[in-house]
Amino acid sequence: MPPLIALPGTLLDARSLAPALQALALRSRTVLLGEAETLDGEVQRLAALANEPAIWLGHSLGGIVALHLAASHPGLIAGLVLLAANARASPAGGADRRQAQWQLAQTQGLKALAAAKLAPGYDLAPDDPLHTALAEQAQSVGLRRFERQLRYADRRPGLLSPRKSLHCPLLALSGAKDLLCPPLQSDEIAGLSMASRHVSLPAGGHLFPMQQPIWVATHIQNFLDQFFLARSA
């Protein structure tokens, strides 16, 4: 079985994916995004971390970066697991929203940003315990990484026009109630590979990997059983 490398989303750290990963009997490591100045530089940094083809798992921005890694370094990709991701270029208006987030983070801090912007954008109820988790993880990621993560999102070219073809097994998981990366965008991702599957969680939002880790782990395990364990049997 190939190793698994996990990429959390914007202002999320290893804790966002740990419950799902712990349910899988895999060699895995989690890498935070935001070390390189540009998306291309970050893709190159990640490529240098892999000394063999791996299964790359990405949530949100982590999934976007994993897709670009697969497009530019197919030899390093044994498979892709993409959670609440999309293959589109940065949309019009996205830069203004991210600039407002950056200004708030600079003036009031990352915990304030998590409470005022991120949690409402993820449709979290005011009493949801994930408020605390978001604030703690945002603080852990820090302003330096956050600034670069915003840059990756703003300047991503997308893989749909022109359409890229990915020659690896691909699992796309989405939340049916995700307002940021709705299921249609996971359908688009699944269309990039002939060996793909898309499963949507009926009541899931953008943070379904944190809210429903066992559901996520179950579908990842089914994917691994189909494309990897069956081949090695």
Protein backbone atom coordinates (compact mmCIF):
# COMPACT_ATOMS: atom_id res chain seq x y z
CA MET A 1 0.00 0.00 0.00
CA PRO A 2 1.43 3.42 -0.89
CA PRO A 3 1.94 5.94 1.90
CA LEU A 4 -0.59 8.72 2.37
CA ILE A 5 0.27 12.42 2.53
CA ALA A 6 -2.49 14.67 3.86
CA LEU A 7 -2.86 18.39 3.13
CA PRO A 8 -5.25 20.33 5.41
CA GLY A 9 -7.21 23.32 4.13
CA THR A 10 -6.75 27.02 4.74
CA LEU A 11 -6.00 27.83 8.40
CA LEU A 12 -6.44 24.17 9.35
CA ASP A 13 -3.74 21.95 10.80
CA ALA A 14 -3.23 18.21 11.30
CA ARG A 15 -6.02 18.08 13.89
CA SER A 16 -8.62 18.68 11.17
CA LEU A 17 -7.85 15.33 9.50
CA ALA A 18 -6.45 13.29 12.38
CA PRO A 19 -9.70 11.53 13.43
CA ALA A 20 -10.31 10.23 9.90
CA LEU A 21 -6.69 9.24 9.34
CA GLN A 22 -6.46 7.44 12.68
CA ALA A 23 -9.21 5.08 11.52
CA LEU A 24 -7.07 3.99 8.56
CA ALA A 25 -4.22 1.52 8.90
CA LEU A 26 -1.83 3.46 6.68
CA ARG A 27 1.56 5.07 6.80
CA SER A 28 0.59 8.72 6.75
CA ARG A 29 1.95 12.17 7.36
CA THR A 30 0.31 15.59 7.35
CA VAL A 31 1.93 18.62 5.73
CA LEU A 32 0.69 22.17 6.31
CA LEU A 33 0.45 24.45 3.31
CA GLY A 34 2.10 27.84 3.15
CA GLU A 35 5.86 27.47 3.06
CA ALA A 36 6.51 28.61 -0.53
CA GLU A 37 5.70 32.06 -1.89
CA THR A 38 3.69 30.84 -4.90
CA LEU A 39 1.41 27.93 -5.77
CA ASP A 40 3.98 26.59 -8.24
CA GLY A 41 6.66 26.84 -5.57
CA GLU A 42 4.47 25.01 -3.06
CA VAL A 43 3.78 22.24 -5.56
CA GLN A 44 7.53 21.87 -6.11
CA ARG A 45 8.13 21.78 -2.35
CA LEU A 46 5.57 19.03 -1.89
CA ALA A 47 6.98 17.05 -4.80
CA ALA A 48 10.39 17.09 -3.13
CA LEU A 49 8.88 15.54 0.01
CA ALA A 50 7.77 12.38 -1.80
CA ASN A 51 10.41 9.74 -2.45
CA GLU A 52 7.84 7.32 -3.89
CA PRO A 53 4.34 7.56 -5.40
CA ALA A 54 1.86 8.36 -2.64
CA ILE A 55 -1.83 8.71 -2.08
CA TRP A 56 -2.39 12.44 -1.66
CA LEU A 57 -5.35 13.49 0.46
CA GLY A 58 -6.40 17.13 0.47
CA HIS A 59 -9.22 19.04 2.13
CA SER A 60 -10.42 22.32 0.58
CA LEU A 61 -7.29 24.27 -0.45
CA GLY A 62 -5.31 21.13 0.31
CA GLY A 63 -7.33 19.32 -2.35
CA ILE A 64 -6.80 22.12 -4.84
CA VAL A 65 -3.04 21.98 -4.32
CA ALA A 66 -3.08 18.17 -4.56
CA LEU A 67 -4.84 18.44 -7.93
CA HIS A 68 -2.18 20.80 -9.26
CA LEU A 69 0.52 18.48 -7.94
CA ALA A 70 -1.10 15.57 -9.80
CA ALA A 71 -1.28 17.57 -13.02
CA SER A 72 2.39 18.56 -12.92
CA HIS A 73 3.97 15.48 -11.26
CA PRO A 74 1.87 12.45 -12.24
CA GLY A 75 4.67 10.04 -11.37
CA LEU A 76 4.34 10.96 -7.69
CA ILE A 77 0.62 10.21 -7.54
CA ALA A 78 -0.58 6.72 -6.68
CA GLY A 79 -4.06 8.07 -5.96
CA LEU A 80 -6.00 11.18 -4.95
CA VAL A 81 -8.55 11.65 -2.17
CA LEU A 82 -10.13 15.11 -2.40
CA LEU A 83 -12.45 16.41 0.31
CA ALA A 84 -14.58 19.50 -0.36
CA ALA A 85 -12.23 20.62 -3.13
CA ASN A 86 -12.60 22.03 -6.63
CA ALA A 87 -10.68 22.12 -9.88
CA ARG A 88 -11.75 25.61 -10.95
CA ALA A 89 -9.66 28.72 -11.39
CA SER A 90 -10.04 31.42 -8.77
CA PRO A 91 -13.52 32.96 -9.27
CA ALA A 92 -14.24 36.61 -9.86
CA GLY A 93 -14.74 38.34 -6.54
CA GLY A 94 -12.76 35.76 -4.61
CA ALA A 95 -9.75 38.04 -4.29
CA ASP A 96 -11.83 40.79 -2.63
CA ARG A 97 -13.22 38.34 -0.08
CA ARG A 98 -9.77 37.01 0.73
CA GLN A 99 -8.33 40.51 1.00
CA ALA A 100 -10.99 41.37 3.56
CA GLN A 101 -10.06 38.22 5.49
CA TRP A 102 -6.38 39.18 5.41
CA GLN A 103 -7.07 42.69 6.69
CA LEU A 104 -9.19 41.34 9.54
CA ALA A 105 -6.51 38.81 10.45
CA GLN A 106 -3.86 41.53 10.55
CA THR A 107 -5.90 43.96 12.63
CA GLN A 108 -7.80 41.66 14.99
CA GLY A 109 -5.97 38.35 14.80
CA LEU A 110 -6.63 34.90 13.42
CA LYS A 111 -8.95 33.84 16.22
CA ALA A 112 -11.20 36.82 15.44
CA LEU A 113 -11.12 35.92 11.76
CA ALA A 114 -12.15 32.35 12.56
CA ALA A 115 -15.09 33.58 14.64
CA ALA A 116 -16.26 36.43 12.41
CA LYS A 117 -15.69 35.04 8.91
CA LEU A 118 -14.73 31.38 8.77
CA ALA A 119 -17.34 29.86 11.09
CA PRO A 120 -20.29 31.69 9.44
CA GLY A 121 -18.94 30.79 6.01
CA TYR A 122 -18.90 27.14 7.08
CA ASP A 123 -22.49 27.50 8.34
CA LEU A 124 -21.60 26.62 11.91
CA ALA A 125 -24.22 27.26 14.58
CA PRO A 126 -23.15 29.75 17.28
CA ASP A 127 -22.87 26.99 19.88
CA ASP A 128 -21.00 24.52 17.66
CA PRO A 129 -17.85 23.27 19.43
CA LEU A 130 -15.95 23.54 16.16
CA HIS A 131 -15.71 27.29 16.78
CA THR A 132 -12.99 26.61 19.33
CA ALA A 133 -11.23 24.10 17.08
CA LEU A 134 -11.19 26.56 14.18
CA ALA A 135 -9.76 29.34 16.32
CA GLU A 136 -7.03 27.12 17.79
CA GLN A 137 -5.99 25.73 14.42
CA ALA A 138 -5.97 29.15 12.77
CA GLN A 139 -3.69 30.44 15.52
CA SER A 140 -1.43 27.42 15.04
CA VAL A 141 -1.11 27.93 11.27
CA GLY A 142 -0.16 31.59 11.74
CA LEU A 143 -0.23 34.74 9.64
CA ARG A 144 2.78 33.92 7.48
CA ARG A 145 1.34 30.67 6.19
CA PHE A 146 -2.13 32.20 5.91
CA GLU A 147 -0.89 35.00 3.65
CA ARG A 148 0.65 32.44 1.30
CA GLN A 149 -2.38 30.19 1.39
CA LEU A 150 -4.50 33.12 0.26
CA ARG A 151 -2.06 33.71 -2.58
CA TYR A 152 -2.36 30.11 -3.76
CA ALA A 153 -6.14 30.37 -3.81
CA ASP A 154 -6.14 33.75 -5.58
CA ARG A 155 -3.76 32.79 -8.36
CA ARG A 156 -4.66 29.19 -9.10
CA PRO A 157 -5.21 28.61 -12.83
CA GLY A 158 -7.63 25.70 -12.49
CA LEU A 159 -7.66 22.41 -14.38
CA LEU A 160 -10.92 22.66 -16.33
CA SER A 161 -10.12 25.13 -19.11
CA PRO A 162 -8.18 23.68 -20.77
CA ARG A 163 -9.28 20.40 -19.22
CA LYS A 164 -6.54 18.26 -17.71
CA SER A 165 -6.65 14.47 -17.64
CA LEU A 166 -5.43 12.68 -14.52
CA HIS A 167 -4.28 9.09 -14.87
CA CYS A 168 -4.70 7.91 -11.30
CA PRO A 169 -7.48 6.53 -9.09
CA LEU A 170 -9.45 9.43 -7.62
CA LEU A 171 -12.00 9.68 -4.82
CA ALA A 172 -13.93 12.94 -4.40
CA LEU A 173 -15.99 13.40 -1.24
CA SER A 174 -18.33 16.35 -0.83
CA GLY A 175 -20.93 17.74 1.52
CA ALA A 176 -24.37 18.24 0.01
CA LYS A 177 -24.82 21.46 2.01
CA ASP A 178 -21.33 22.84 1.38
CA LEU A 179 -21.74 26.42 0.14
CA LEU A 180 -18.04 26.90 -0.67
CA CYS A 181 -17.35 23.74 -2.67
CA PRO A 182 -20.75 22.23 -3.55
CA PRO A 183 -21.09 18.70 -4.94
CA LEU A 184 -21.15 19.90 -8.55
CA GLN A 185 -17.50 20.86 -8.18
CA SER A 186 -16.63 17.36 -6.99
CA ASP A 187 -18.46 16.01 -10.06
CA GLU A 188 -16.10 18.14 -12.14
CA ILE A 189 -13.12 16.72 -10.28
CA ALA A 190 -14.31 13.16 -10.83
CA GLY A 191 -14.54 13.89 -14.54
CA LEU A 192 -10.78 14.44 -14.70
CA SER A 193 -10.01 10.73 -14.16
CA MET A 194 -11.44 7.59 -15.75
CA ALA A 195 -10.90 5.74 -12.45
CA SER A 196 -12.89 7.99 -10.18
CA ARG A 197 -15.70 7.98 -7.66
CA HIS A 198 -17.70 10.83 -6.09
CA VAL A 199 -19.71 10.37 -2.91
CA SER A 200 -21.66 13.17 -1.23
CA LEU A 201 -22.65 13.32 2.44
CA PRO A 202 -26.33 14.39 2.51
CA ALA A 203 -26.14 16.69 5.54
CA GLY A 204 -22.47 17.61 5.20
CA GLY A 205 -21.04 21.11 5.08
CA HIS A 206 -17.53 22.28 4.21
CA LEU A 207 -16.07 20.88 7.43
CA PHE A 208 -17.53 17.39 7.09
CA PRO A 209 -14.05 15.79 7.50
CA MET A 210 -14.03 17.18 11.05
CA GLN A 211 -17.72 16.56 11.73
CA GLN A 212 -18.05 13.08 10.24
CA PRO A 213 -14.56 11.51 10.31
CA ILE A 214 -15.84 7.91 10.42
CA TRP A 215 -17.93 8.46 7.29
CA VAL A 216 -14.84 9.89 5.59
CA ALA A 217 -12.62 7.03 6.75
CA THR A 218 -15.14 4.42 5.62
CA HIS A 219 -15.27 5.78 2.08
CA ILE A 220 -11.50 6.17 1.91
CA GLN A 221 -11.08 2.57 3.04
CA ASN A 222 -13.56 1.38 0.40
CA PHE A 223 -11.60 3.32 -2.20
CA LEU A 224 -8.31 1.80 -1.05
CA ASP A 225 -9.80 -1.69 -1.04
CA GLN A 226 -10.99 -1.27 -4.63
CA PHE A 227 -7.92 0.29 -6.18
CA PHE A 228 -5.01 -0.88 -4.05
CA LEU A 229 -5.67 -3.82 -1.74
CA ALA A 230 -7.46 -5.83 -4.45
CA ARG A 231 -4.49 -5.39 -6.78
CA SER A 232 -1.99 -6.60 -4.19
CA ALA A 233 -4.04 -9.65 -3.16
